[in-house]
Amino acid sequence: MATISIVGSGNMGTAIAGLALAGGNDVQVVARDQAKVAVDPAVTTASFGDALTGDIVVLALPYPALDDVVATYGDQLAGRTVVDITNPLDFSTFDSLVVPADSSAAAELAAKLPGATVLKAFNTNFAATLASGTVGDVTTTVLVAGDDADAKAALTAALDGSAVRVVDAGSLRRARELEALGFLQLTLAAGERTQWTTGFALL
């Protein structure tokens, strides 16, 4: 069992909190928008800026919010596992990623948090498929990239008992490919070529 802090109480934060609870973990949800605070009585709620309790901290926020997280929690995140779920899209065009071609949002975050262990996960999933645990008839897969095997194992163990399966996608360098996959999935849904309840499945 782990103690997990989820920064963000929107659809993704709520879905990930549900998975963490199903895995038997202690869960704290830190809300930037008080109107979206998780209502599950098993969840401890806090406001943005309050102390984080988790050894694993999931940043369930849009990419532009990461700098605010670093400014607010940078010192607190040292020694913890930080899970970046963002997809760094250019939301004005929905036609490109805004990080350099040889980098990723996760790599940028790791550079800004040298004392933390950064993982990339959940960015290739929609909230609906995390909540249901399925993509069509297939179990939802959470792909995780990172350079620390123990941190990846801890996140995997924290989700054991939930409705999803976790697959190690390799080093943090693979975050670039995961973000490209997340980008494609988002543009397909936003263009109404697929639905927000669908996703890519790993057989």
Protein backbone atom coordinates (compact mmCIF):
# COMPACT_ATOMS: atom_id res chain seq x y z
CA MET A 1 0.00 0.00 0.00
CA ALA A 2 1.20 3.48 -0.88
CA THR A 3 0.21 7.00 0.03
CA ILE A 4 -0.70 8.84 -3.15
CA SER A 5 -1.33 12.55 -3.64
CA ILE A 6 -3.21 13.52 -6.79
CA VAL A 7 -2.89 17.17 -7.73
CA GLY A 8 -5.98 17.94 -9.77
CA SER A 9 -9.60 17.02 -9.18
CA GLY A 10 -10.99 17.00 -12.70
CA ASN A 11 -12.06 13.93 -14.67
CA MET A 12 -8.57 12.43 -14.86
CA GLY A 13 -7.73 13.15 -11.24
CA THR A 14 -11.01 11.62 -10.11
CA ALA A 15 -10.51 8.51 -12.26
CA ILE A 16 -6.94 8.00 -11.03
CA ALA A 17 -8.08 8.50 -7.44
CA GLY A 18 -10.60 5.71 -7.98
CA LEU A 19 -7.88 3.38 -9.25
CA ALA A 20 -5.64 4.25 -6.30
CA LEU A 21 -8.44 3.57 -3.83
CA ALA A 22 -9.20 0.25 -5.52
CA GLY A 23 -5.54 -0.64 -5.06
CA GLY A 24 -5.93 -0.16 -1.30
CA ASN A 25 -3.87 3.01 -1.06
CA ASP A 26 -4.29 6.12 1.07
CA VAL A 27 -5.33 8.88 -1.31
CA GLN A 28 -5.12 12.66 -1.05
CA VAL A 29 -6.68 14.84 -3.76
CA VAL A 30 -5.36 18.38 -4.00
CA ALA A 31 -7.83 20.60 -5.84
CA ARG A 32 -7.06 23.74 -7.78
CA ASP A 33 -10.79 24.17 -8.37
CA GLN A 34 -12.77 23.64 -5.18
CA ALA A 35 -15.92 22.93 -7.21
CA LYS A 36 -14.29 19.72 -8.44
CA VAL A 37 -13.08 18.21 -5.18
CA ALA A 38 -13.55 14.43 -5.11
CA VAL A 39 -16.49 13.44 -2.92
CA ASP A 40 -15.47 9.86 -2.12
CA PRO A 41 -15.34 9.76 1.69
CA ALA A 42 -12.19 7.61 1.55
CA VAL A 43 -10.27 10.46 -0.09
CA THR A 44 -8.52 13.16 1.92
CA THR A 45 -9.00 16.52 0.21
CA ALA A 46 -6.78 19.57 0.26
CA SER A 47 -6.41 22.87 -1.55
CA PHE A 48 -3.60 23.75 -3.94
CA GLY A 49 -0.67 24.95 -1.86
CA ASP A 50 -1.45 22.68 1.10
CA ALA A 51 1.14 20.10 2.12
CA LEU A 52 1.37 16.91 0.07
CA THR A 53 1.15 13.64 1.97
CA GLY A 54 1.95 11.15 -0.79
CA ASP A 55 5.17 9.32 -1.54
CA ILE A 56 3.76 9.13 -5.08
CA VAL A 57 2.45 12.44 -6.46
CA VAL A 58 0.32 12.35 -9.62
CA LEU A 59 0.06 15.64 -11.50
CA ALA A 60 -3.42 15.32 -13.04
CA LEU A 61 -3.29 18.78 -14.57
CA PRO A 62 -2.92 20.34 -18.04
CA TYR A 63 0.63 20.84 -19.30
CA PRO A 64 0.61 24.65 -18.79
CA ALA A 65 0.00 24.12 -15.05
CA LEU A 66 3.29 22.27 -14.49
CA ASP A 67 5.30 25.45 -13.93
CA ASP A 68 2.83 26.47 -11.22
CA VAL A 69 3.28 23.07 -9.58
CA VAL A 70 7.07 23.41 -9.67
CA ALA A 71 6.89 26.93 -8.19
CA THR A 72 4.48 25.84 -5.44
CA TYR A 73 5.75 22.37 -4.57
CA GLY A 74 9.29 22.13 -5.94
CA ASP A 75 10.98 21.68 -2.57
CA GLN A 76 8.30 19.28 -1.27
CA LEU A 77 8.65 17.01 -4.30
CA ALA A 78 12.30 16.20 -3.61
CA GLY A 79 12.64 12.52 -2.76
CA ARG A 80 9.19 11.63 -4.10
CA THR A 81 7.95 9.92 -7.22
CA VAL A 82 6.19 12.43 -9.47
CA VAL A 83 3.88 11.10 -12.18
CA ASP A 84 3.34 13.42 -15.14
CA ILE A 85 0.15 12.69 -17.10
CA THR A 86 0.24 15.72 -19.41
CA ASN A 87 0.15 15.93 -23.17
CA PRO A 88 1.94 19.14 -24.25
CA LEU A 89 -0.36 20.07 -27.13
CA ASP A 90 -0.60 23.40 -28.85
CA PHE A 91 -4.25 23.86 -27.93
CA SER A 92 -4.58 26.88 -30.23
CA THR A 93 -4.07 24.70 -33.30
CA PHE A 94 -4.40 21.09 -32.07
CA ASP A 95 -1.73 20.39 -34.67
CA SER A 96 1.56 20.01 -32.81
CA LEU A 97 3.36 19.38 -29.55
CA VAL A 98 4.97 22.41 -27.93
CA VAL A 99 8.11 20.69 -26.62
CA PRO A 100 11.27 20.15 -28.71
CA ALA A 101 11.30 17.09 -30.95
CA ASP A 102 14.08 15.47 -28.90
CA SER A 103 12.38 16.09 -25.56
CA SER A 104 9.07 15.69 -23.73
CA ALA A 105 6.98 17.35 -21.05
CA ALA A 106 8.18 14.68 -18.63
CA ALA A 107 11.85 15.33 -19.45
CA GLU A 108 11.33 19.07 -18.97
CA LEU A 109 9.66 18.41 -15.63
CA ALA A 110 12.49 16.11 -14.52
CA ALA A 111 15.00 18.85 -15.29
CA LYS A 112 13.04 21.28 -13.11
CA LEU A 113 12.71 18.76 -10.26
CA PRO A 114 16.21 17.26 -9.95
CA GLY A 115 15.46 15.86 -6.51
CA ALA A 116 12.36 13.96 -7.62
CA THR A 117 11.89 10.79 -9.63
CA VAL A 118 9.67 11.57 -12.61
CA LEU A 119 7.51 8.99 -14.38
CA LYS A 120 5.26 9.39 -17.40
CA ALA A 121 1.92 7.58 -17.15
CA PHE A 122 -1.82 7.88 -17.83
CA ASN A 123 -1.37 10.35 -20.72
CA THR A 124 -2.43 7.75 -23.29
CA ASN A 125 -5.67 7.05 -21.41
CA PHE A 126 -8.96 8.89 -21.26
CA ALA A 127 -10.72 9.24 -17.92
CA ALA A 128 -13.64 7.10 -19.09
CA THR A 129 -11.43 4.11 -19.89
CA LEU A 130 -9.60 4.43 -16.58
CA ALA A 131 -12.90 4.52 -14.71
CA SER A 132 -14.38 1.57 -16.60
CA GLY A 133 -11.15 -0.40 -16.76
CA THR A 134 -11.83 -1.34 -20.37
CA VAL A 135 -11.27 -0.14 -23.91
CA GLY A 136 -14.00 -1.95 -25.78
CA ASP A 137 -13.67 -5.53 -24.59
CA VAL A 138 -10.00 -5.16 -23.64
CA THR A 139 -8.57 -4.25 -20.23
CA THR A 140 -7.30 -0.67 -20.09
CA THR A 141 -3.50 -0.52 -20.19
CA VAL A 142 -1.54 2.20 -18.41
CA LEU A 143 1.86 2.67 -20.06
CA VAL A 144 4.61 3.89 -17.72
CA ALA A 145 7.98 5.33 -18.72
CA GLY A 146 10.77 6.24 -16.35
CA ASP A 147 14.41 5.70 -15.46
CA ASP A 148 13.88 4.35 -11.93
CA ALA A 149 12.80 0.71 -11.82
CA ASP A 150 11.81 0.90 -8.16
CA ALA A 151 9.56 3.90 -8.76
CA LYS A 152 7.85 2.13 -11.66
CA ALA A 153 7.41 -0.98 -9.54
CA ALA A 154 5.88 1.09 -6.73
CA LEU A 155 3.35 2.70 -9.09
CA THR A 156 2.53 -0.70 -10.58
CA ALA A 157 2.01 -2.18 -7.11
CA ALA A 158 -0.19 0.77 -6.12
CA LEU A 159 -2.52 -0.02 -9.03
CA ASP A 160 -2.57 -3.75 -8.37
CA GLY A 161 -6.14 -4.66 -7.51
CA SER A 162 -7.60 -1.88 -9.65
CA ALA A 163 -9.34 -2.45 -12.97
CA VAL A 164 -6.33 -1.57 -15.15
CA ARG A 165 -3.08 -3.28 -16.02
CA VAL A 166 0.28 -1.54 -16.07
CA VAL A 167 2.96 -2.07 -18.71
CA ASP A 168 6.52 -0.78 -18.43
CA ALA A 169 7.15 1.30 -21.57
CA GLY A 170 10.87 1.78 -20.95
CA SER A 171 13.05 4.71 -19.96
CA LEU A 172 11.90 8.30 -19.57
CA ARG A 173 13.07 8.88 -23.15
CA ARG A 174 9.98 6.93 -24.23
CA ALA A 175 7.83 9.73 -22.80
CA ARG A 176 8.22 11.47 -26.16
CA GLU A 177 6.53 8.55 -27.94
CA LEU A 178 3.86 8.30 -25.26
CA GLU A 179 3.11 12.00 -25.66
CA ALA A 180 2.90 11.59 -29.43
CA LEU A 181 0.44 8.73 -28.94
CA GLY A 182 -1.56 10.83 -26.48
CA PHE A 183 -1.53 13.71 -28.98
CA LEU A 184 -2.91 11.48 -31.73
CA GLN A 185 -5.62 10.10 -29.46
CA LEU A 186 -6.69 13.57 -28.35
CA THR A 187 -6.83 14.98 -31.88
CA LEU A 188 -8.91 12.02 -33.07
CA ALA A 189 -11.41 12.55 -30.26
CA ALA A 190 -11.48 16.32 -30.61
CA GLY A 191 -12.08 15.88 -34.36
CA GLU A 192 -14.97 13.51 -33.57
CA ARG A 193 -13.30 10.65 -35.41
CA THR A 194 -13.43 8.67 -32.17
CA GLN A 195 -15.17 9.19 -28.86
CA TRP A 196 -13.83 10.26 -25.46
CA THR A 197 -14.90 6.86 -24.15
CA THR A 198 -12.55 5.00 -26.50
CA GLY A 199 -8.78 4.63 -26.73
CA PHE A 200 -5.89 2.55 -27.95
CA ALA A 201 -5.80 -0.99 -26.63
CA LEU A 202 -2.79 -3.26 -26.08
CA LEU A 203 -3.61 -6.88 -26.80
